[in-house]
Amino acid sequence: METLGCNISLLLLQAFLLFLILSLTFSSPFTEKHVDVASFFSTFETRNVRVAQFFINASSSPPQVSSSNFSLATALYNSSINKFYKARSIRVEEDLAQARAAIRKAIHLQNYTSHSHRTETFIPTGSIYKNASHTEMVKKFKVWIYKEGEHPTVHIGPMHNKYAIEGQFIDEMESKNNPFRASHPDEAHAFFLPFSVANVVQYVYQPITTVKDYSRDRLQRLLTDYVTVVADKYPYWNRSNGADHFMVSCHDWVSTYIYVLLNLLLPL
């Protein structure tokens, strides 16, 4: 019992001391500072609630863009695009005008190499040439070769026998040593579609066993799909409706679909 009484007395003493410390604390000059700290945390908590409420409102109701502002932004974007293509068209026309002027000057002076930057091994002065356009063509004329498509129907053609001119032309145009090859489509005066009709006949149609196998539908679909791909990916076809695009083929099947694709393709 004695031990129990001592323990109770000790607990009461500890409680009394704790009460005394709390009383001194809240009655001391530091009370205001403690109140200020409590007020600060209360304000901070209120601000957090406001910030959270702001983000909730922002996520639930995104800012509305007026139709007038959207129309203005669209108009400015279209204007910038039109200016870009107009500037490029003007540059191409200026290149052609300079070439025409140089050709006329060369004819007048009968000097067919005066504007060349290198020594010519062949001077086009024969009767087959109506003017001195060959030198200017080598200097200025640029062709962009579309990179879309895969072998064996695109970018490659027969190199031997009667259809070899088709493959030879594609190979020369694809060559890195081709002086007419444009490094970027914006500097090109013409656009080449490296589509091989002869290879389509060989790899898509062969073997031909029935009369129905001679149908040109597959050939027409392949070429139409290729033109659609480049027209959707680049602006150049739609800009001229294909007037500055060309392809090369010596196959006798070309005549069967050329009229069908007349609005899509201008073959050489």
Protein backbone atom coordinates (compact mmCIF):
# COMPACT_ATOMS: atom_id res chain seq x y z
CA MET A 1 0.00 0.00 0.00
CA GLU A 2 2.86 2.28 0.75
CA THR A 3 4.30 1.72 -2.71
CA LEU A 4 0.96 2.39 -4.33
CA GLY A 5 0.62 5.67 -2.42
CA CYS A 6 4.05 6.81 -3.55
CA ASN A 7 3.21 6.09 -7.18
CA ILE A 8 -0.03 8.04 -6.96
CA SER A 9 1.75 10.98 -5.35
CA LEU A 10 4.38 10.91 -8.09
CA LEU A 11 1.75 10.92 -10.84
CA LEU A 12 -0.09 13.81 -9.18
CA LEU A 13 3.15 15.75 -8.93
CA GLN A 14 3.87 15.23 -12.62
CA ALA A 15 0.37 16.31 -13.57
CA PHE A 16 0.65 19.41 -11.37
CA LEU A 17 3.98 20.37 -12.94
CA LEU A 18 2.56 19.92 -16.45
CA PHE A 19 -0.44 22.09 -15.56
CA LEU A 20 1.89 24.75 -14.16
CA ILE A 21 4.02 24.80 -17.31
CA LEU A 22 0.95 25.16 -19.55
CA SER A 23 -0.41 27.97 -17.38
CA LEU A 24 2.87 29.88 -17.55
CA THR A 25 3.08 29.37 -21.28
CA PHE A 26 -0.35 30.75 -22.14
CA SER A 27 -0.01 33.62 -19.66
CA SER A 28 3.50 34.63 -20.84
CA PRO A 29 4.40 37.31 -23.44
CA PHE A 30 5.03 34.52 -25.95
CA THR A 31 1.32 33.84 -26.06
CA GLU A 32 0.78 36.33 -28.89
CA LYS A 33 3.49 34.73 -30.96
CA HIS A 34 1.94 31.33 -30.47
CA VAL A 35 -1.40 32.73 -31.48
CA ASP A 36 0.20 34.30 -34.55
CA VAL A 37 1.77 31.00 -35.50
CA ALA A 38 -1.56 29.27 -35.13
CA SER A 39 -3.18 32.00 -37.20
CA PHE A 40 -0.49 31.59 -39.88
CA PHE A 41 -1.12 27.88 -40.20
CA SER A 42 -4.84 28.51 -40.27
CA THR A 43 -4.40 31.04 -43.10
CA PHE A 44 -2.04 28.69 -44.94
CA GLU A 45 -4.60 25.93 -44.68
CA THR A 46 -7.29 28.28 -46.02
CA ARG A 47 -5.07 29.23 -48.96
CA ASN A 48 -4.46 25.56 -49.72
CA VAL A 49 -8.18 25.02 -49.82
CA ARG A 50 -8.55 27.98 -52.20
CA VAL A 51 -5.76 26.74 -54.48
CA ALA A 52 -7.24 23.26 -54.53
CA GLN A 53 -10.65 24.73 -55.32
CA PHE A 54 -9.10 26.75 -58.18
CA PHE A 55 -7.61 23.67 -59.83
CA ILE A 56 -10.84 21.76 -59.38
CA ASN A 57 -12.74 24.55 -61.12
CA ALA A 58 -10.10 24.78 -63.85
CA SER A 59 -10.24 21.08 -64.59
CA SER A 60 -14.02 20.90 -64.53
CA SER A 61 -14.56 23.96 -66.74
CA PRO A 62 -11.67 24.64 -69.17
CA PRO A 63 -11.30 28.17 -70.52
CA GLN A 64 -13.54 28.93 -73.42
CA VAL A 65 -12.06 30.28 -76.66
CA SER A 66 -14.34 32.65 -78.47
CA SER A 67 -15.22 31.89 -82.07
CA SER A 68 -13.90 35.29 -83.16
CA ASN A 69 -10.45 34.62 -81.67
CA PHE A 70 -10.37 31.16 -83.23
CA SER A 71 -11.34 32.57 -86.63
CA LEU A 72 -8.65 35.23 -86.35
CA ALA A 73 -5.98 32.64 -85.48
CA THR A 74 -7.07 30.45 -88.39
CA ALA A 75 -6.98 33.40 -90.78
CA LEU A 76 -3.48 34.37 -89.65
CA TYR A 77 -2.25 30.79 -90.05
CA ASN A 78 -3.73 30.46 -93.55
CA SER A 79 -2.27 33.83 -94.50
CA SER A 80 1.23 32.77 -93.42
CA ILE A 81 0.93 29.50 -95.36
CA ASN A 82 -0.27 31.32 -98.48
CA LYS A 83 2.59 33.82 -98.23
CA PHE A 84 5.09 30.95 -97.95
CA TYR A 85 3.83 29.19 -101.07
CA LYS A 86 3.45 32.46 -102.93
CA ALA A 87 7.04 33.39 -102.12
CA ARG A 88 8.24 30.01 -103.33
CA SER A 89 6.24 30.30 -106.56
CA ILE A 90 7.69 33.75 -107.15
CA ARG A 91 11.21 32.41 -106.62
CA VAL A 92 10.65 29.60 -109.13
CA GLU A 93 9.25 32.03 -111.68
CA GLU A 94 12.23 34.33 -111.14
CA ASP A 95 14.60 31.42 -111.78
CA LEU A 96 12.82 30.61 -115.01
CA ALA A 97 12.79 34.27 -116.07
CA GLN A 98 16.54 34.53 -115.47
CA ALA A 99 17.09 31.38 -117.49
CA ARG A 100 15.04 32.74 -120.39
CA ALA A 101 16.97 36.01 -120.30
CA ALA A 102 20.30 34.16 -120.28
CA ILE A 103 19.21 32.00 -123.22
CA ARG A 104 18.16 35.04 -125.26
CA LYS A 105 21.44 36.77 -124.47
CA ALA A 106 23.46 33.70 -125.46
CA ILE A 107 21.59 33.41 -128.75
CA HIS A 108 22.10 37.09 -129.48
CA LEU A 109 25.83 36.96 -128.72
CA GLN A 110 26.22 33.45 -130.17
CA ASN A 111 28.15 32.64 -127.02
CA TYR A 112 26.76 29.42 -125.62
CA THR A 113 29.20 29.03 -122.73
CA SER A 114 29.47 32.58 -121.40
CA HIS A 115 27.20 31.82 -118.45
CA SER A 116 28.64 28.44 -117.58
CA HIS A 117 30.79 27.99 -114.48
CA ARG A 118 32.78 25.12 -115.97
CA THR A 119 34.49 24.19 -119.22
CA GLU A 120 31.97 22.53 -121.51
CA THR A 121 32.95 19.35 -123.32
CA PHE A 122 29.85 19.63 -125.48
CA ILE A 123 28.53 22.93 -126.77
CA PRO A 124 24.89 22.72 -127.96
CA THR A 125 25.13 24.73 -131.18
CA GLY A 126 23.93 22.13 -133.67
CA SER A 127 20.76 22.36 -135.70
CA ILE A 128 18.99 20.02 -133.30
CA TYR A 129 19.02 22.80 -130.68
CA LYS A 130 16.64 25.68 -131.27
CA ASN A 131 18.29 27.75 -128.56
CA ALA A 132 21.03 27.60 -125.95
CA SER A 133 18.79 26.19 -123.24
CA HIS A 134 20.84 23.12 -122.43
CA THR A 135 23.49 24.97 -120.41
CA GLU A 136 20.90 26.92 -118.44
CA MET A 137 18.91 23.76 -117.81
CA VAL A 138 21.94 22.01 -116.31
CA LYS A 139 22.64 25.04 -114.12
CA LYS A 140 19.15 25.79 -112.83
CA PHE A 141 16.65 23.00 -113.43
CA LYS A 142 15.91 20.92 -110.31
CA VAL A 143 13.66 17.89 -109.88
CA TRP A 144 12.40 16.45 -106.63
CA ILE A 145 12.12 12.65 -106.54
CA TYR A 146 9.50 11.44 -104.13
CA LYS A 147 10.89 9.03 -101.52
CA GLU A 148 7.64 7.24 -100.78
CA GLY A 149 7.08 3.69 -101.99
CA GLU A 150 9.00 0.44 -101.88
CA HIS A 151 10.64 -1.98 -104.29
CA PRO A 152 9.91 -3.51 -106.69
CA THR A 153 7.10 -1.28 -107.98
CA VAL A 154 8.67 2.06 -107.01
CA HIS A 155 12.23 3.46 -107.20
CA ILE A 156 13.42 0.64 -109.45
CA GLY A 157 12.67 -0.57 -112.97
CA PRO A 158 13.93 -3.02 -115.59
CA MET A 159 17.51 -2.33 -116.67
CA HIS A 160 17.61 -4.64 -119.70
CA ASN A 161 15.60 -5.57 -122.79
CA LYS A 162 12.88 -3.46 -124.37
CA TYR A 163 11.63 -1.77 -121.17
CA ALA A 164 15.10 -0.77 -119.99
CA ILE A 165 14.62 2.96 -120.63
CA GLU A 166 12.13 3.04 -117.75
CA GLY A 167 14.58 1.52 -115.26
CA GLN A 168 17.52 3.51 -116.63
CA PHE A 169 15.70 6.80 -116.19
CA ILE A 170 14.61 5.98 -112.63
CA ASP A 171 18.14 4.87 -111.77
CA GLU A 172 19.68 8.07 -113.16
CA MET A 173 17.19 10.25 -111.32
CA GLU A 174 17.77 8.40 -108.03
CA SER A 175 21.55 8.72 -108.35
CA LYS A 176 23.35 11.02 -105.92
CA ASN A 177 25.43 12.29 -108.84
CA ASN A 178 22.34 13.53 -110.67
CA PRO A 179 22.89 17.29 -111.22
CA PHE A 180 19.14 17.84 -111.58
CA ARG A 181 18.23 16.24 -108.26
CA ALA A 182 16.87 18.76 -105.73
CA SER A 183 17.99 18.46 -102.13
CA HIS A 184 14.64 19.86 -100.93
CA PRO A 185 11.23 19.93 -102.64
CA ASP A 186 10.95 23.71 -102.14
CA GLU A 187 13.78 24.30 -104.62
CA ALA A 188 12.35 21.98 -107.28
CA HIS A 189 10.84 23.09 -110.57
CA ALA A 190 9.32 19.66 -111.28
CA PHE A 191 8.43 16.53 -109.33
CA PHE A 192 9.15 12.96 -110.43
CA LEU A 193 6.99 9.97 -109.51
CA PRO A 194 9.40 6.98 -109.61
CA PHE A 195 6.63 4.50 -110.38
CA SER A 196 7.49 1.53 -112.62
CA VAL A 197 4.66 0.25 -114.79
CA ALA A 198 6.84 -2.52 -116.21
CA ASN A 199 7.62 -3.86 -112.74
CA VAL A 200 3.97 -3.74 -111.73
CA VAL A 201 3.12 -5.90 -114.73
CA GLN A 202 5.95 -8.30 -113.93
CA TYR A 203 5.48 -8.65 -110.16
CA VAL A 204 1.76 -8.03 -109.71
CA TYR A 205 0.21 -9.51 -112.84
CA GLN A 206 2.45 -12.45 -113.66
CA PRO A 207 1.57 -15.14 -114.41
CA ILE A 208 -1.32 -14.20 -116.69
CA THR A 209 -3.44 -17.29 -117.23
CA THR A 210 -6.90 -15.97 -118.07
CA VAL A 211 -8.39 -13.07 -119.96
CA LYS A 212 -9.47 -11.46 -116.67
CA ASP A 213 -5.81 -11.26 -115.64
CA TYR A 214 -5.35 -8.57 -118.29
CA SER A 215 -7.63 -6.20 -116.39
CA ARG A 216 -5.90 -2.90 -115.67
CA ASP A 217 -7.80 -2.27 -112.45
CA ARG A 218 -4.93 -3.29 -110.16
CA LEU A 219 -2.47 -1.10 -112.04
CA GLN A 220 -4.81 1.86 -111.86
CA ARG A 221 -5.42 1.37 -108.13
CA LEU A 222 -1.70 1.12 -107.34
CA LEU A 223 -0.87 4.32 -109.19
CA THR A 224 -3.89 6.17 -107.82
CA ASP A 225 -2.97 5.13 -104.27
CA TYR A 226 0.61 6.31 -104.76
CA VAL A 227 -0.49 9.71 -106.02
CA THR A 228 -2.98 9.99 -103.17
CA VAL A 229 -0.24 9.30 -100.61
CA VAL A 230 2.10 12.03 -101.90
CA ALA A 231 -0.80 14.45 -102.39
CA ASP A 232 -1.94 14.00 -98.79
CA LYS A 233 1.58 14.18 -97.35
CA TYR A 234 2.91 17.13 -99.36
CA PRO A 235 1.30 20.33 -100.67
CA TYR A 236 3.02 20.28 -104.06
CA TRP A 237 0.56 18.12 -105.99
CA ASN A 238 -2.50 20.04 -104.82
CA ARG A 239 -0.78 23.36 -105.46
CA SER A 240 -0.60 22.74 -109.21
CA ASN A 241 -3.10 19.88 -109.49
CA GLY A 242 -0.20 17.74 -110.69
CA ALA A 243 0.76 20.02 -113.58
CA ASP A 244 4.45 20.05 -112.56
CA HIS A 245 4.59 16.29 -111.82
CA PHE A 246 5.67 13.60 -114.27
CA MET A 247 6.59 9.94 -114.61
CA VAL A 248 8.36 7.89 -117.27
CA SER A 249 7.19 4.61 -118.77
CA CYS A 250 7.67 2.85 -122.09
CA HIS A 251 5.27 -0.02 -121.45
CA ASP A 252 2.35 -0.52 -123.81
CA TRP A 253 -0.09 -0.73 -120.90
CA VAL A 254 0.38 2.96 -120.15
CA SER A 255 -2.19 3.97 -122.73
CA THR A 256 -4.88 1.86 -121.05
CA TYR A 257 -5.00 3.91 -117.87
CA ILE A 258 -3.60 7.28 -118.86
CA TYR A 259 -7.04 8.65 -119.68
CA VAL A 260 -8.46 7.39 -116.40
CA LEU A 261 -5.76 9.22 -114.43
CA LEU A 262 -5.60 12.28 -116.64
CA ASN A 263 -6.60 14.55 -113.76
CA LEU A 264 -4.02 12.96 -111.46
CA LEU A 265 -0.98 12.44 -113.60
CA LEU A 266 0.91 14.04 -116.49
CA PRO A 267 3.26 11.35 -117.86
CA LEU A 268 6.32 12.28 -119.86
